[in-house]
Protein backbone atom coordinates (compact mmCIF):
# COMPACT_ATOMS: atom_id res chain seq x y z
CA MET A 1 -0.51 -6.34 -1.85
CA VAL A 2 -0.37 -9.30 0.50
CA ALA A 3 -4.15 -9.30 0.89
CA TYR A 4 -4.60 -9.51 -2.89
CA ALA A 5 -2.25 -12.51 -3.15
CA TYR A 6 -4.09 -14.23 -0.30
CA ALA A 7 -7.53 -13.55 -1.80
CA ALA A 8 -6.36 -14.78 -5.21
CA GLN A 9 -5.06 -18.03 -3.74
CA TYR A 10 -7.86 -18.63 -1.22
CA PRO A 11 -10.96 -16.95 -2.68
CA ASN A 12 -13.34 -19.09 -0.63
CA GLU A 13 -11.86 -17.65 2.56
CA VAL A 14 -12.31 -13.98 1.59
CA LYS A 15 -15.75 -12.39 1.48
CA LYS A 16 -14.60 -8.84 0.75
CA LEU A 17 -11.22 -7.24 0.16
CA ALA A 18 -10.02 -3.67 0.69
CA LEU A 19 -6.86 -2.42 -1.00
CA MET A 20 -5.63 0.80 0.56
CA ASP A 21 -3.23 2.62 -1.74
CA ALA A 22 -2.03 -0.83 -2.79
CA LEU A 23 -0.33 -0.98 -6.15
CA LEU A 24 -0.08 -4.62 -7.27
CA PRO A 25 3.39 -5.70 -8.44
CA GLY A 26 3.41 -7.01 -12.00
CA ILE A 27 -0.03 -5.72 -12.96
CA GLU A 28 0.53 -3.58 -16.02
CA PRO A 29 0.68 -0.93 -17.29
CA VAL A 30 0.59 0.87 -13.94
CA TRP A 31 3.19 -1.26 -12.15
CA SER A 32 6.07 -0.33 -14.46
CA GLN A 33 5.09 3.33 -14.61
CA VAL A 34 4.84 3.83 -10.85
CA SER A 35 7.75 1.63 -9.81
CA ALA A 36 10.03 3.43 -12.30
CA SER A 37 9.16 6.84 -10.86
CA ALA A 38 9.13 5.90 -7.16
CA TRP A 39 12.83 6.11 -6.21
CA TRP A 40 12.15 4.53 -2.82
CA PHE A 41 11.13 1.22 -4.49
CA GLY A 42 14.70 0.86 -5.72
CA PHE A 43 16.35 2.16 -2.56
CA PHE A 44 14.31 -0.02 -0.22
CA SER A 45 14.90 -3.14 -2.32
CA TRP A 46 18.66 -2.50 -2.47
CA GLN A 47 20.26 -4.99 -0.06
CA PRO A 48 22.43 -2.53 1.95
CA SER A 49 19.63 0.03 2.43
CA GLY A 50 18.57 -1.34 5.82
CA SER A 51 22.08 -1.13 7.24
CA ILE A 52 22.46 2.40 5.89
CA VAL A 53 19.30 3.57 7.68
CA SER A 54 19.79 1.45 10.82
CA GLY A 55 20.48 3.72 13.79
CA LYS A 56 19.03 6.69 11.89
CA GLU A 57 15.40 5.56 11.77
CA LYS A 58 14.02 8.81 13.22
CA GLU A 59 15.84 10.97 10.67
CA PHE A 60 14.94 8.68 7.82
CA LEU A 61 11.25 8.24 8.66
CA THR A 62 10.55 11.88 9.48
CA GLY A 63 12.38 12.87 6.31
CA PHE A 64 10.59 10.32 4.13
CA TRP A 65 6.99 10.68 5.29
CA HIS A 66 6.50 13.98 3.47
CA VAL A 67 7.69 12.48 0.14
CA VAL A 68 4.38 10.70 -0.47
CA ALA A 69 2.14 12.78 1.79
CA PHE A 70 -0.23 15.57 0.91
CA ALA A 71 -1.17 16.82 4.36
CA LYS A 72 1.68 18.52 6.18
CA ASP A 73 2.56 16.99 9.56
CA SER A 74 -0.02 14.24 9.15
CA PHE A 75 1.55 11.98 11.80
CA THR A 76 0.74 12.93 15.38
CA LYS A 77 3.57 13.07 17.92
CA GLU A 78 2.34 9.79 19.36
CA GLU A 79 2.17 8.08 15.95
CA SER A 80 5.61 9.35 15.02
CA ALA A 81 7.08 8.14 18.30
CA GLU A 82 5.54 4.69 17.89
CA PHE A 83 6.67 4.27 14.28
CA ILE A 84 10.18 5.36 15.23
CA ARG A 85 10.22 3.05 18.26
CA ALA A 86 8.99 0.06 16.26
CA TYR A 87 11.30 0.62 13.28
CA SER A 88 14.26 1.11 15.62
CA LEU A 89 13.99 -2.43 16.98
CA ASN A 90 16.80 -4.72 15.89
CA GLY A 91 16.34 -5.83 12.27
CA VAL A 92 12.94 -4.23 11.71
CA ILE A 93 13.99 -1.56 9.20
CA THR A 94 15.96 -4.14 7.20
CA GLY A 95 13.00 -6.54 7.26
CA SER A 96 10.57 -3.86 6.12
CA PHE A 97 12.86 -2.88 3.25
CA ARG A 98 13.21 -6.51 2.19
CA TRP A 99 9.47 -6.49 1.48
CA PHE A 100 10.28 -4.18 -1.42
CA GLY A 101 13.07 -6.55 -2.43
CA ALA A 102 10.44 -9.26 -2.90
CA PHE A 103 8.46 -7.20 -5.43
CA SER A 104 10.10 -8.87 -8.43
CA GLN A 105 8.93 -12.29 -7.20
CA ASP A 106 5.53 -10.83 -6.26
CA ALA A 107 5.23 -9.49 -9.81
CA LYS A 108 5.84 -12.96 -11.28
CA ASP A 109 3.37 -14.50 -8.84
CA ASN A 110 0.71 -11.87 -9.53
CA VAL A 111 0.96 -12.37 -13.30
CA GLU A 112 -0.03 -15.99 -12.68
CA LEU A 113 -2.66 -15.17 -10.04
CA MET A 114 -4.40 -12.59 -12.24
CA LYS A 115 -5.30 -15.30 -14.77
CA THR A 116 -8.31 -15.93 -12.55
CA LYS A 117 -10.04 -12.69 -11.60
CA LEU A 118 -11.30 -12.15 -8.08
CA ASN A 119 -15.08 -12.38 -7.78
CA MET A 120 -15.57 -11.05 -4.25
CA PRO A 121 -16.26 -7.32 -3.85
CA VAL A 122 -13.00 -5.37 -3.77
CA LEU A 123 -12.69 -1.83 -2.44
CA THR A 124 -9.92 0.41 -3.70
CA MET A 125 -9.09 3.26 -1.38
CA GLY A 126 -6.61 5.78 -2.72
CA GLY A 127 -5.41 9.19 -1.68
CA GLN A 128 -6.60 12.10 -3.81
CA TYR A 129 -3.00 13.16 -4.40
CA PHE A 130 -1.48 9.70 -4.78
CA ALA A 131 -3.13 6.48 -5.98
CA ALA A 132 -6.76 7.54 -6.41
CA ALA A 133 -6.10 8.49 -10.03
CA PHE A 134 -5.26 4.94 -11.12
CA LEU A 135 -6.10 2.44 -8.37
CA LYS A 136 -9.63 1.46 -9.44
CA GLU A 137 -8.68 0.81 -13.08
CA HIS A 138 -5.53 -0.98 -11.94
CA THR A 139 -7.60 -3.28 -9.73
CA LYS A 140 -10.20 -3.96 -12.43
CA ILE A 141 -7.50 -5.91 -14.24
CA VAL A 142 -7.54 -8.52 -11.43
CA ALA A 143 -11.09 -8.25 -10.05
CA ASN A 144 -14.64 -8.25 -11.41
CA ASP A 145 -16.50 -6.34 -8.67
CA VAL A 146 -14.46 -3.22 -7.89
CA HIS A 147 -15.72 -0.39 -5.69
CA GLU A 148 -13.88 2.87 -5.11
CA THR A 149 -13.44 5.31 -2.27
CA ASN A 150 -11.15 8.24 -2.93
CA ILE A 151 -9.76 9.83 0.19
CA PRO A 152 -9.78 13.63 -0.18
CA ASN A 153 -6.90 15.80 0.97
CA SER A 154 -4.51 12.88 1.30
CA GLY A 155 -1.49 11.32 -0.28
CA HIS A 156 -0.19 7.85 0.59
CA TRP A 157 -0.71 7.96 4.37
CA LEU A 158 -4.49 7.64 4.19
CA VAL A 159 -5.11 6.83 7.82
CA GLN A 160 -2.95 9.65 9.13
CA GLU A 161 -4.02 12.22 6.56
CA ASN A 162 -7.79 11.70 6.63
CA THR A 163 -8.78 9.21 9.32
CA ALA A 164 -12.49 10.03 9.23
CA ALA A 165 -12.83 9.40 5.48
CA VAL A 166 -10.93 6.10 5.76
CA GLN A 167 -13.14 4.93 8.62
CA LYS A 168 -16.31 5.95 6.79
CA GLY A 169 -15.26 4.23 3.55
CA LEU A 170 -14.24 0.99 5.24
CA LEU A 171 -17.36 0.81 7.40
CA GLU A 172 -19.68 1.47 4.45
CA PHE A 173 -17.96 -1.19 2.37
CA PHE A 174 -17.63 -3.93 4.96
CA LEU A 175 -21.04 -3.39 6.57
CA GLU A 176 -22.90 -3.18 3.25
CA LYS A 177 -25.17 -6.16 2.75
CA LYS A 178 -24.62 -7.93 -0.52
């Protein structure tokens, strides 16, 4: 989401862009459909949510990961420990939730930014059981040269659920001569 906004504002600084399971706020019709059905968008953007979860990061994260995952136990012990450690630092969980709170402003900004389509090659990378079904068409609304890599046997956590396919897709896209 952030990479799209940057590329739209500074297109001369971006040669290629990859959007990994990145729904773009304000880009319709998909934005309204997904954000209305994803309960966590509302919870995370709700001001007190960070203080509710603070001190319970391990329980929250390990309970939430499966909500948008396909592969069971896709986070290794080491990955889980690092996510929990990082999100347990003072203010981090609140800060990460506030990103969702900014979606309404992002949506307004993106409606303006999309008036000029991106011309650099854009890769959409979506999980077979999450965003792959709509991500390419969603991105075509804001970009002219859209490429697609669907990550099999994965939900939202592409890197954890199918690392090899993510690596292959990114390398092929970014190393391709154009």
